[in-house]
Amino acid sequence: MTKSKIDLSAAPNAAFQIKAESGPSEPIKKTEKAPEEKKSDKPNLADAYVEKPRLNPEMIGKSLLDRMPQPTGWRLLVLPYQGQGKTAGGIFLPSETIEKSQVSTQVGYVLKVGPLAYADKEKFPSGPWCEAKQWVLFARYAGSRFQIDGGEVRILNDDEILSTILDPEDIHQLT
């Protein structure tokens, strides 16, 4: 029988080569990553997720928080909750599904609060509805979304916060 060789190294995202033979198969060999693909020493938002995609807010370092945009006026900087990567039955969700749920998420972690947020005593007579380092609930497509190193954040107006919550896992989304 004829030996054939398929080389996928030129294809994007390919990290291995496969050899097809008529005899027993050989294990797949991974190639080394190119030096330019090595992770930078600069911290990014993806590093704050301990059990992908479970966020550990304490892992958001001071230097990373300093590099994030400072909300102006009455705005809040919120990190949307990504949810679990698998169902209760143990089925792993595709990354596209996780990304879709992140876009339509209603739960987030308040990273920064603008200088005028909750300052209007007529609008907020009982004081601020939330503060930095709290989990909050907001409208599904509220705020302006944008990408930073390792993830997406949103800037919301102070009156777009619907409630504070203790654990983001307590909130189940309707699809």
N, C-alpha and C. Protein backbone atom coordinates (compact mmCIF):
# COMPACT_ATOMS: atom_id res chain seq x y z
N MET A 1 0.84 -1.17 0.00
CA MET A 1 0.00 0.00 0.00
C MET A 1 0.89 1.24 0.00
N THR A 2 0.41 2.34 -0.54
CA THR A 2 1.18 3.56 -0.68
C THR A 2 1.14 4.38 0.60
N LYS A 3 2.30 4.94 0.97
CA LYS A 3 2.36 5.82 2.13
C LYS A 3 1.98 7.22 1.69
N SER A 4 1.17 7.88 2.49
CA SER A 4 0.82 9.26 2.18
C SER A 4 1.16 10.13 3.39
N LYS A 5 1.53 11.36 3.13
CA LYS A 5 1.91 12.27 4.20
C LYS A 5 1.08 13.55 4.05
N ILE A 6 0.41 13.94 5.10
CA ILE A 6 -0.38 15.16 5.10
C ILE A 6 0.31 16.14 6.03
N ASP A 7 0.70 17.26 5.50
CA ASP A 7 1.39 18.28 6.30
C ASP A 7 0.45 19.45 6.52
N LEU A 8 -0.02 19.63 7.74
CA LEU A 8 -0.93 20.71 8.07
C LEU A 8 -0.22 21.91 8.70
N SER A 9 1.10 21.89 8.74
CA SER A 9 1.82 22.96 9.43
C SER A 9 1.65 24.31 8.76
N ALA A 10 1.32 24.34 7.47
CA ALA A 10 1.15 25.61 6.78
C ALA A 10 -0.25 26.18 7.02
N ALA A 11 -1.18 25.36 7.46
CA ALA A 11 -2.56 25.81 7.69
C ALA A 11 -2.62 26.63 8.97
N PRO A 12 -3.49 27.65 9.01
CA PRO A 12 -3.61 28.41 10.25
C PRO A 12 -4.18 27.54 11.36
N ASN A 13 -3.73 27.79 12.57
CA ASN A 13 -4.15 27.08 13.78
C ASN A 13 -3.71 25.63 13.80
N ALA A 14 -2.91 25.18 12.87
CA ALA A 14 -2.45 23.79 12.89
C ALA A 14 -1.20 23.71 13.75
N ALA A 15 -1.17 22.75 14.65
CA ALA A 15 -0.03 22.64 15.55
C ALA A 15 0.53 21.23 15.56
N PHE A 16 0.24 20.43 14.54
CA PHE A 16 0.73 19.07 14.49
C PHE A 16 0.77 18.57 13.06
N GLN A 17 1.44 17.46 12.85
CA GLN A 17 1.51 16.81 11.54
C GLN A 17 0.98 15.39 11.69
N ILE A 18 0.27 14.91 10.65
CA ILE A 18 -0.30 13.58 10.69
C ILE A 18 0.34 12.75 9.59
N LYS A 19 0.74 11.52 9.91
CA LYS A 19 1.25 10.60 8.91
C LYS A 19 0.29 9.43 8.84
N ALA A 20 -0.20 9.12 7.65
CA ALA A 20 -1.11 7.99 7.48
C ALA A 20 -0.34 6.83 6.89
N GLU A 21 -0.42 5.68 7.51
CA GLU A 21 0.26 4.49 7.03
C GLU A 21 -0.70 3.32 7.10
N SER A 22 -0.36 2.26 6.43
CA SER A 22 -1.21 1.08 6.48
C SER A 22 -1.00 0.29 7.76
N GLY A 23 0.09 0.51 8.45
CA GLY A 23 0.42 -0.19 9.69
C GLY A 23 -0.20 0.51 10.89
N PRO A 24 0.28 0.19 12.09
CA PRO A 24 -0.24 0.82 13.30
C PRO A 24 0.04 2.33 13.29
N SER A 25 -0.87 3.08 13.85
CA SER A 25 -0.73 4.54 13.82
C SER A 25 0.27 4.99 14.89
N GLU A 26 0.90 6.13 14.62
CA GLU A 26 1.85 6.72 15.54
C GLU A 26 1.15 7.84 16.30
N PRO A 27 1.62 8.15 17.49
CA PRO A 27 0.99 9.26 18.23
C PRO A 27 1.22 10.58 17.52
N ILE A 28 0.30 11.51 17.70
CA ILE A 28 0.40 12.83 17.10
C ILE A 28 1.47 13.61 17.83
N LYS A 29 2.34 14.26 17.08
CA LYS A 29 3.44 15.02 17.67
C LYS A 29 3.11 16.50 17.59
N LYS A 30 3.22 17.16 18.71
CA LYS A 30 3.00 18.60 18.75
C LYS A 30 4.30 19.31 18.43
N THR A 31 4.19 20.42 17.72
CA THR A 31 5.37 21.21 17.40
C THR A 31 5.50 22.33 18.42
N GLU A 32 6.69 22.83 18.59
CA GLU A 32 6.95 23.93 19.51
C GLU A 32 6.31 25.20 18.98
N LYS A 33 5.84 26.07 19.88
CA LYS A 33 5.31 27.36 19.47
C LYS A 33 6.46 28.27 19.05
N ALA A 34 6.16 29.10 18.09
CA ALA A 34 7.15 30.06 17.63
C ALA A 34 7.43 31.07 18.75
N PRO A 35 8.65 31.62 18.83
CA PRO A 35 8.97 32.56 19.92
C PRO A 35 8.06 33.78 19.93
N GLU A 36 7.56 34.23 18.76
CA GLU A 36 6.73 35.42 18.75
C GLU A 36 5.34 35.16 19.32
N GLU A 37 4.95 33.88 19.51
CA GLU A 37 3.65 33.55 20.04
C GLU A 37 3.67 33.41 21.56
N LYS A 38 4.80 33.52 22.20
CA LYS A 38 4.89 33.34 23.64
C LYS A 38 4.10 34.42 24.35
N LYS A 39 3.53 34.06 25.49
CA LYS A 39 2.71 34.97 26.27
C LYS A 39 3.56 36.12 26.80
N SER A 40 3.00 37.32 26.74
CA SER A 40 3.74 38.47 27.22
C SER A 40 3.73 38.48 28.75
N ASP A 41 4.67 39.21 29.32
CA ASP A 41 4.77 39.30 30.77
C ASP A 41 3.74 40.25 31.35
N LYS A 42 3.11 41.05 30.48
CA LYS A 42 2.12 42.02 30.92
C LYS A 42 0.84 41.28 31.32
N PRO A 43 0.29 41.52 32.52
CA PRO A 43 -0.93 40.81 32.92
C PRO A 43 -2.11 41.24 32.06
N ASN A 44 -3.04 40.31 31.82
CA ASN A 44 -4.25 40.68 31.10
C ASN A 44 -5.45 40.10 31.82
N LEU A 45 -6.63 40.46 31.36
CA LEU A 45 -7.87 40.09 32.03
C LEU A 45 -8.09 38.58 32.05
N ALA A 46 -7.62 37.87 31.05
CA ALA A 46 -7.79 36.41 30.99
C ALA A 46 -7.08 35.72 32.17
N ASP A 47 -6.05 36.35 32.71
CA ASP A 47 -5.32 35.76 33.84
C ASP A 47 -6.15 35.77 35.13
N ALA A 48 -7.21 36.57 35.18
CA ALA A 48 -8.04 36.65 36.39
C ALA A 48 -9.02 35.49 36.49
N TYR A 49 -9.13 34.69 35.44
CA TYR A 49 -10.03 33.55 35.47
C TYR A 49 -9.26 32.33 35.95
N VAL A 50 -9.66 31.77 37.10
CA VAL A 50 -8.93 30.65 37.68
C VAL A 50 -9.35 29.33 37.06
N GLU A 51 -10.58 28.99 37.11
CA GLU A 51 -11.12 27.77 36.53
C GLU A 51 -11.91 28.24 35.32
N LYS A 52 -11.28 28.23 34.16
CA LYS A 52 -11.87 28.84 32.98
C LYS A 52 -13.30 28.41 32.83
N PRO A 53 -14.26 29.29 32.70
CA PRO A 53 -14.18 30.74 32.74
C PRO A 53 -14.58 31.33 34.07
N ARG A 54 -14.28 30.69 35.19
CA ARG A 54 -14.66 31.17 36.51
C ARG A 54 -13.74 32.31 36.94
N LEU A 55 -14.33 33.48 37.19
CA LEU A 55 -13.57 34.67 37.56
C LEU A 55 -13.23 34.67 39.05
N ASN A 56 -11.98 34.97 39.35
CA ASN A 56 -11.57 35.20 40.73
C ASN A 56 -11.23 36.69 40.82
N PRO A 57 -12.14 37.52 41.36
CA PRO A 57 -11.92 38.97 41.39
C PRO A 57 -10.62 39.39 42.07
N GLU A 58 -10.14 38.62 43.04
CA GLU A 58 -8.91 38.99 43.72
C GLU A 58 -7.69 38.87 42.81
N MET A 59 -7.82 38.14 41.71
CA MET A 59 -6.69 37.96 40.79
C MET A 59 -6.53 39.14 39.83
N ILE A 60 -7.47 40.09 39.86
CA ILE A 60 -7.34 41.29 39.04
C ILE A 60 -6.36 42.20 39.76
N GLY A 61 -5.13 42.19 39.32
CA GLY A 61 -4.07 42.93 39.99
C GLY A 61 -4.21 44.43 39.85
N LYS A 62 -3.52 45.13 40.70
CA LYS A 62 -3.57 46.60 40.72
C LYS A 62 -3.09 47.17 39.39
N SER A 63 -2.01 46.62 38.82
CA SER A 63 -1.50 47.17 37.56
C SER A 63 -2.49 46.95 36.42
N LEU A 64 -3.18 45.81 36.41
CA LEU A 64 -4.18 45.55 35.38
C LEU A 64 -5.36 46.50 35.54
N LEU A 65 -5.80 46.72 36.76
CA LEU A 65 -6.91 47.62 37.01
C LEU A 65 -6.54 49.06 36.64
N ASP A 66 -5.29 49.44 36.88
CA ASP A 66 -4.85 50.79 36.52
C ASP A 66 -4.85 51.00 35.01
N ARG A 67 -4.58 49.93 34.25
CA ARG A 67 -4.53 50.05 32.80
C ARG A 67 -5.91 50.09 32.15
N MET A 68 -6.94 49.70 32.90
CA MET A 68 -8.30 49.72 32.36
C MET A 68 -8.81 51.14 32.30
N PRO A 69 -9.77 51.39 31.41
CA PRO A 69 -10.31 52.75 31.29
C PRO A 69 -10.96 53.22 32.59
N GLN A 70 -10.77 54.49 32.90
CA GLN A 70 -11.42 55.09 34.07
C GLN A 70 -12.75 55.67 33.61
N PRO A 71 -13.88 55.18 34.14
CA PRO A 71 -15.17 55.74 33.70
C PRO A 71 -15.30 57.20 34.12
N THR A 72 -15.87 57.98 33.25
CA THR A 72 -16.06 59.41 33.53
C THR A 72 -17.49 59.66 33.97
N GLY A 73 -17.69 60.77 34.64
CA GLY A 73 -19.05 61.17 35.03
C GLY A 73 -19.75 60.15 35.88
N TRP A 74 -20.95 59.81 35.48
CA TRP A 74 -21.82 58.92 36.26
C TRP A 74 -21.77 57.47 35.77
N ARG A 75 -20.66 57.07 35.18
CA ARG A 75 -20.56 55.73 34.59
C ARG A 75 -19.78 54.75 35.47
N LEU A 76 -20.03 53.45 35.20
CA LEU A 76 -19.37 52.36 35.93
C LEU A 76 -18.67 51.45 34.91
N LEU A 77 -17.51 50.93 35.27
CA LEU A 77 -16.80 49.95 34.46
C LEU A 77 -17.14 48.57 35.02
N VAL A 78 -17.76 47.72 34.20
CA VAL A 78 -18.26 46.43 34.64
C VAL A 78 -17.67 45.32 33.78
N LEU A 79 -17.25 44.24 34.43
CA LEU A 79 -16.75 43.05 33.75
C LEU A 79 -17.88 42.04 33.69
N PRO A 80 -18.42 41.72 32.49
CA PRO A 80 -19.52 40.76 32.40
C PRO A 80 -19.08 39.36 32.84
N TYR A 81 -20.00 38.66 33.48
CA TYR A 81 -19.75 37.30 33.92
C TYR A 81 -19.87 36.37 32.72
N GLN A 82 -18.92 35.44 32.58
CA GLN A 82 -18.90 34.55 31.42
C GLN A 82 -19.69 33.27 31.60
N GLY A 83 -19.98 32.88 32.80
CA GLY A 83 -20.72 31.65 33.01
C GLY A 83 -19.83 30.43 32.97
N GLN A 84 -20.43 29.27 33.14
CA GLN A 84 -19.69 28.01 33.14
C GLN A 84 -19.40 27.55 31.73
N GLY A 85 -18.37 26.78 31.56
CA GLY A 85 -17.98 26.26 30.26
C GLY A 85 -18.63 24.93 29.93
N LYS A 86 -19.43 24.40 30.87
CA LYS A 86 -20.13 23.15 30.60
C LYS A 86 -21.48 23.14 31.30
N THR A 87 -22.37 22.29 30.82
CA THR A 87 -23.71 22.19 31.38
C THR A 87 -23.69 21.40 32.68
N ALA A 88 -24.82 21.38 33.38
CA ALA A 88 -24.92 20.62 34.63
C ALA A 88 -24.72 19.13 34.38
N GLY A 89 -25.05 18.67 33.18
CA GLY A 89 -24.88 17.26 32.83
C GLY A 89 -23.46 16.92 32.40
N GLY A 90 -22.56 17.92 32.32
CA GLY A 90 -21.17 17.67 32.00
C GLY A 90 -20.81 17.86 30.53
N ILE A 91 -21.73 18.40 29.73
CA ILE A 91 -21.44 18.62 28.32
C ILE A 91 -20.71 19.95 28.18
N PHE A 92 -19.55 19.93 27.52
CA PHE A 92 -18.78 21.15 27.31
C PHE A 92 -19.43 21.99 26.21
N LEU A 93 -19.56 23.29 26.48
CA LEU A 93 -20.19 24.20 25.53
C LEU A 93 -19.15 24.73 24.56
N PRO A 94 -19.52 24.90 23.28
CA PRO A 94 -18.58 25.49 22.32
C PRO A 94 -18.30 26.95 22.67
N SER A 95 -17.13 27.42 22.28
CA SER A 95 -16.74 28.80 22.61
C SER A 95 -17.70 29.82 22.01
N GLU A 96 -18.29 29.53 20.86
CA GLU A 96 -19.25 30.46 20.25
C GLU A 96 -20.47 30.64 21.14
N THR A 97 -20.93 29.56 21.75
CA THR A 97 -22.08 29.63 22.64
C THR A 97 -21.74 30.45 23.89
N ILE A 98 -20.56 30.25 24.42
CA ILE A 98 -20.13 31.01 25.61
C ILE A 98 -20.02 32.49 25.26
N GLU A 99 -19.48 32.81 24.09
CA GLU A 99 -19.35 34.21 23.68
C GLU A 99 -20.72 34.85 23.49
N LYS A 100 -21.68 34.11 22.90
CA LYS A 100 -23.03 34.64 22.73
C LYS A 100 -23.67 34.94 24.07
N SER A 101 -23.49 34.03 25.03
CA SER A 101 -24.09 34.25 26.34
C SER A 101 -23.43 35.42 27.07
N GLN A 102 -22.14 35.66 26.79
CA GLN A 102 -21.47 36.80 27.43
C GLN A 102 -22.00 38.11 26.88
N VAL A 103 -22.31 38.15 25.58
CA VAL A 103 -22.86 39.36 24.98
C VAL A 103 -24.21 39.69 25.61
N SER A 104 -25.02 38.66 25.84
CA SER A 104 -26.36 38.89 26.37
C SER A 104 -26.44 38.70 27.89
N THR A 105 -25.31 38.67 28.55
CA THR A 105 -25.33 38.44 30.00
C THR A 105 -26.00 39.60 30.73
N GLN A 106 -26.47 39.29 31.91
CA GLN A 106 -27.13 40.29 32.73
C GLN A 106 -26.44 40.46 34.07
N VAL A 107 -25.29 39.84 34.23
CA VAL A 107 -24.56 39.88 35.50
C VAL A 107 -23.14 40.36 35.24
N GLY A 108 -22.60 41.16 36.15
CA GLY A 108 -21.23 41.63 35.99
C GLY A 108 -20.61 42.03 37.33
N TYR A 109 -19.31 42.23 37.27
CA TYR A 109 -18.52 42.60 38.45
C TYR A 109 -18.07 44.05 38.27
N VAL A 110 -18.40 44.91 39.21
CA VAL A 110 -18.05 46.34 39.11
C VAL A 110 -16.57 46.51 39.40
N LEU A 111 -15.83 46.99 38.40
CA LEU A 111 -14.39 47.20 38.56
C LEU A 111 -14.07 48.61 39.03
N LYS A 112 -14.72 49.61 38.43
CA LYS A 112 -14.46 51.01 38.77
C LYS A 112 -15.76 51.80 38.73
N VAL A 113 -15.80 52.86 39.52
CA VAL A 113 -16.97 53.74 39.58
C VAL A 113 -16.51 55.15 39.24
N GLY A 114 -17.25 55.83 38.35
CA GLY A 114 -16.91 57.19 37.95
C GLY A 114 -17.08 58.18 39.10
N PRO A 115 -16.47 59.36 39.00
CA PRO A 115 -16.49 60.33 40.10
C PRO A 115 -17.87 60.90 40.41
N LEU A 116 -18.76 60.95 39.44
CA LEU A 116 -20.09 61.50 39.68
C LEU A 116 -21.17 60.44 39.85
N ALA A 117 -20.79 59.17 39.81
CA ALA A 117 -21.77 58.09 39.95
C ALA A 117 -22.45 58.18 41.31
N TYR A 118 -23.75 58.14 41.30
CA TYR A 118 -24.60 58.18 42.49
C TYR A 118 -24.43 59.46 43.30
N ALA A 119 -23.93 60.53 42.70
CA ALA A 119 -23.75 61.79 43.41
C ALA A 119 -25.04 62.62 43.45
N ASP A 120 -25.98 62.35 42.56
CA ASP A 120 -27.23 63.11 42.50
C ASP A 120 -28.15 62.66 43.64
N LYS A 121 -28.29 63.49 44.65
CA LYS A 121 -29.08 63.14 45.84
C LYS A 121 -30.58 63.07 45.55
N GLU A 122 -31.04 63.78 44.51
CA GLU A 122 -32.47 63.70 44.15
C GLU A 122 -32.78 62.37 43.47
N LYS A 123 -31.87 61.90 42.66
CA LYS A 123 -32.07 60.66 41.91
C LYS A 123 -31.79 59.43 42.79
N PHE A 124 -30.83 59.55 43.70
CA PHE A 124 -30.43 58.44 44.58
C PHE A 124 -30.50 58.91 46.04
N PRO A 125 -31.71 59.14 46.57
CA PRO A 125 -31.82 59.67 47.93
C PRO A 125 -31.30 58.72 49.01
N SER A 126 -31.31 57.42 48.73
CA SER A 126 -30.86 56.46 49.75
C SER A 126 -29.38 56.10 49.58
N GLY A 127 -28.69 56.76 48.67
CA GLY A 127 -27.26 56.52 48.47
C GLY A 127 -26.98 55.63 47.27
N PRO A 128 -25.73 55.22 47.09
CA PRO A 128 -25.34 54.43 45.92
C PRO A 128 -26.04 53.07 45.87
N TRP A 129 -26.38 52.65 44.66
CA TRP A 129 -27.00 51.34 44.46
C TRP A 129 -25.95 50.23 44.49
N CYS A 130 -24.71 50.56 44.16
CA CYS A 130 -23.63 49.57 44.21
C CYS A 130 -22.30 50.31 44.34
N GLU A 131 -21.24 49.55 44.53
CA GLU A 131 -19.91 50.13 44.62
C GLU A 131 -18.92 49.17 43.96
N ALA A 132 -17.68 49.58 43.84
CA ALA A 132 -16.66 48.73 43.23
C ALA A 132 -16.54 47.43 44.01
N LYS A 133 -16.18 46.35 43.32
CA LYS A 133 -15.99 45.01 43.86
C LYS A 133 -17.30 44.36 44.31
N GLN A 134 -18.40 44.68 43.60
CA GLN A 134 -19.68 44.03 43.87
C GLN A 134 -20.20 43.40 42.59
N TRP A 135 -20.92 42.29 42.73
CA TRP A 135 -21.61 41.67 41.60
C TRP A 135 -22.95 42.38 41.45
N VAL A 136 -23.29 42.71 40.20
CA VAL A 136 -24.53 43.44 39.94
C VAL A 136 -25.32 42.77 38.82
N LEU A 137 -26.60 43.11 38.77
CA LEU A 137 -27.51 42.67 37.72
C LEU A 137 -27.89 43.90 36.91
N PHE A 138 -27.87 43.79 35.58
CA PHE A 138 -28.22 44.93 34.72
C PHE A 138 -29.03 44.41 33.54
N ALA A 139 -29.59 45.32 32.75
CA ALA A 139 -30.40 44.94 31.59
C ALA A 139 -29.54 44.19 30.57
N ARG A 140 -30.15 43.31 29.82
CA ARG A 140 -29.43 42.38 28.94
C ARG A 140 -28.43 43.05 28.00
N TYR A 141 -28.83 44.08 27.29
CA TYR A 141 -27.92 44.71 26.32
C TYR A 141 -27.52 46.12 26.76
N ALA A 142 -27.47 46.36 28.04
CA ALA A 142 -27.15 47.68 28.58
C ALA A 142 -25.67 48.02 28.39
N GLY A 143 -25.40 49.30 28.28
CA GLY A 143 -24.02 49.78 28.27
C GLY A 143 -23.31 49.67 26.94
N SER A 144 -22.11 50.19 26.93
CA SER A 144 -21.23 50.12 25.76
C SER A 144 -20.23 49.01 25.99
N ARG A 145 -20.12 48.09 25.04
CA ARG A 145 -19.22 46.96 25.16
C ARG A 145 -17.95 47.24 24.37
N PHE A 146 -16.80 46.82 24.91
CA PHE A 146 -15.55 46.90 24.15
C PHE A 146 -14.57 45.87 24.68
N GLN A 147 -13.59 45.53 23.83
CA GLN A 147 -12.60 44.51 24.15
C GLN A 147 -11.34 45.16 24.73
N ILE A 148 -10.77 44.48 25.72
CA ILE A 148 -9.45 44.84 26.22
C ILE A 148 -8.64 43.56 26.24
N ASP A 149 -7.39 43.59 26.69
CA ASP A 149 -6.56 42.39 26.74
C ASP A 149 -7.24 41.29 27.52
N GLY A 150 -7.61 40.23 26.83
CA GLY A 150 -8.13 39.05 27.50
C GLY A 150 -9.62 39.03 27.77
N GLY A 151 -10.37 40.01 27.34
CA GLY A 151 -11.81 39.95 27.59
C GLY A 151 -12.56 41.20 27.22
N GLU A 152 -13.84 41.15 27.55
CA GLU A 152 -14.75 42.25 27.24
C GLU A 152 -15.16 42.95 28.53
N VAL A 153 -15.30 44.25 28.47
CA VAL A 153 -15.84 45.01 29.59
C VAL A 153 -16.96 45.91 29.06
N ARG A 154 -17.76 46.42 29.97
CA ARG A 154 -18.84 47.33 29.61
C ARG A 154 -18.77 48.58 30.46
N ILE A 155 -19.21 49.67 29.88
CA ILE A 155 -19.38 50.90 30.64
C ILE A 155 -20.87 51.15 30.71
N LEU A 156 -21.39 51.19 31.93
CA LEU A 156 -22.82 51.38 32.17
C LEU A 156 -23.06 52.70 32.89
N ASN A 157 -24.24 53.28 32.69
CA ASN A 157 -24.64 54.44 33.48
C ASN A 157 -25.02 53.96 34.87
N ASP A 158 -24.89 54.83 35.86
CA ASP A 158 -25.16 54.42 37.24
C ASP A 158 -26.61 53.98 37.45
N ASP A 159 -27.56 54.51 36.68
CA ASP A 159 -28.96 54.13 36.86
C ASP A 159 -29.36 52.89 36.07
N GLU A 160 -28.41 52.24 35.38
CA GLU A 160 -28.70 51.01 34.65
C GLU A 160 -28.53 49.77 35.52
N ILE A 161 -28.05 49.94 36.73
CA ILE A 161 -27.89 48.81 37.65
C ILE A 161 -29.26 48.48 38.22
N LEU A 162 -29.65 47.19 38.10
CA LEU A 162 -30.96 46.76 38.58
C LEU A 162 -30.91 46.26 40.02
N SER A 163 -29.84 45.56 40.39
CA SER A 163 -29.70 45.07 41.76
C SER A 163 -28.28 44.60 42.00
N THR A 164 -27.96 44.36 43.26
CA THR A 164 -26.69 43.73 43.60
C THR A 164 -26.99 42.29 43.96
N ILE A 165 -26.01 41.40 43.72
CA ILE A 165 -26.18 39.98 44.04
C ILE A 165 -24.92 39.48 44.72
N LEU A 166 -25.03 38.35 45.40
CA LEU A 166 -23.88 37.78 46.10
C LEU A 166 -23.06 36.86 45.20
N ASP A 167 -23.74 36.04 44.39
CA ASP A 167 -23.06 35.04 43.57
C ASP A 167 -23.66 35.04 42.18
N PRO A 168 -22.85 35.22 41.14
CA PRO A 168 -23.39 35.25 39.77
C PRO A 168 -24.00 33.93 39.33
N GLU A 169 -23.64 32.83 39.98
CA GLU A 169 -24.21 31.53 39.64
C GLU A 169 -25.68 31.42 40.05
N ASP A 170 -26.15 32.32 40.92
CA ASP A 170 -27.54 32.29 41.37
C ASP A 170 -28.50 32.77 40.28
N ILE A 171 -27.99 33.49 39.29
CA ILE A 171 -28.83 34.06 38.25
C ILE A 171 -28.79 33.15 37.02
N HIS A 172 -29.95 32.70 36.58
CA HIS A 172 -30.04 31.84 35.40
C HIS A 172 -30.64 32.66 34.27
N GLN A 173 -29.99 32.63 33.11
CA GLN A 173 -30.45 33.42 31.97
C GLN A 173 -31.55 32.71 31.22
N LEU A 174 -32.46 33.49 30.69
CA LEU A 174 -33.46 32.97 29.77
C LEU A 174 -32.90 33.11 28.37
N THR A 175 -33.02 32.08 27.56
CA THR A 175 -32.47 32.17 26.19
C THR A 175 -33.53 32.52 25.19
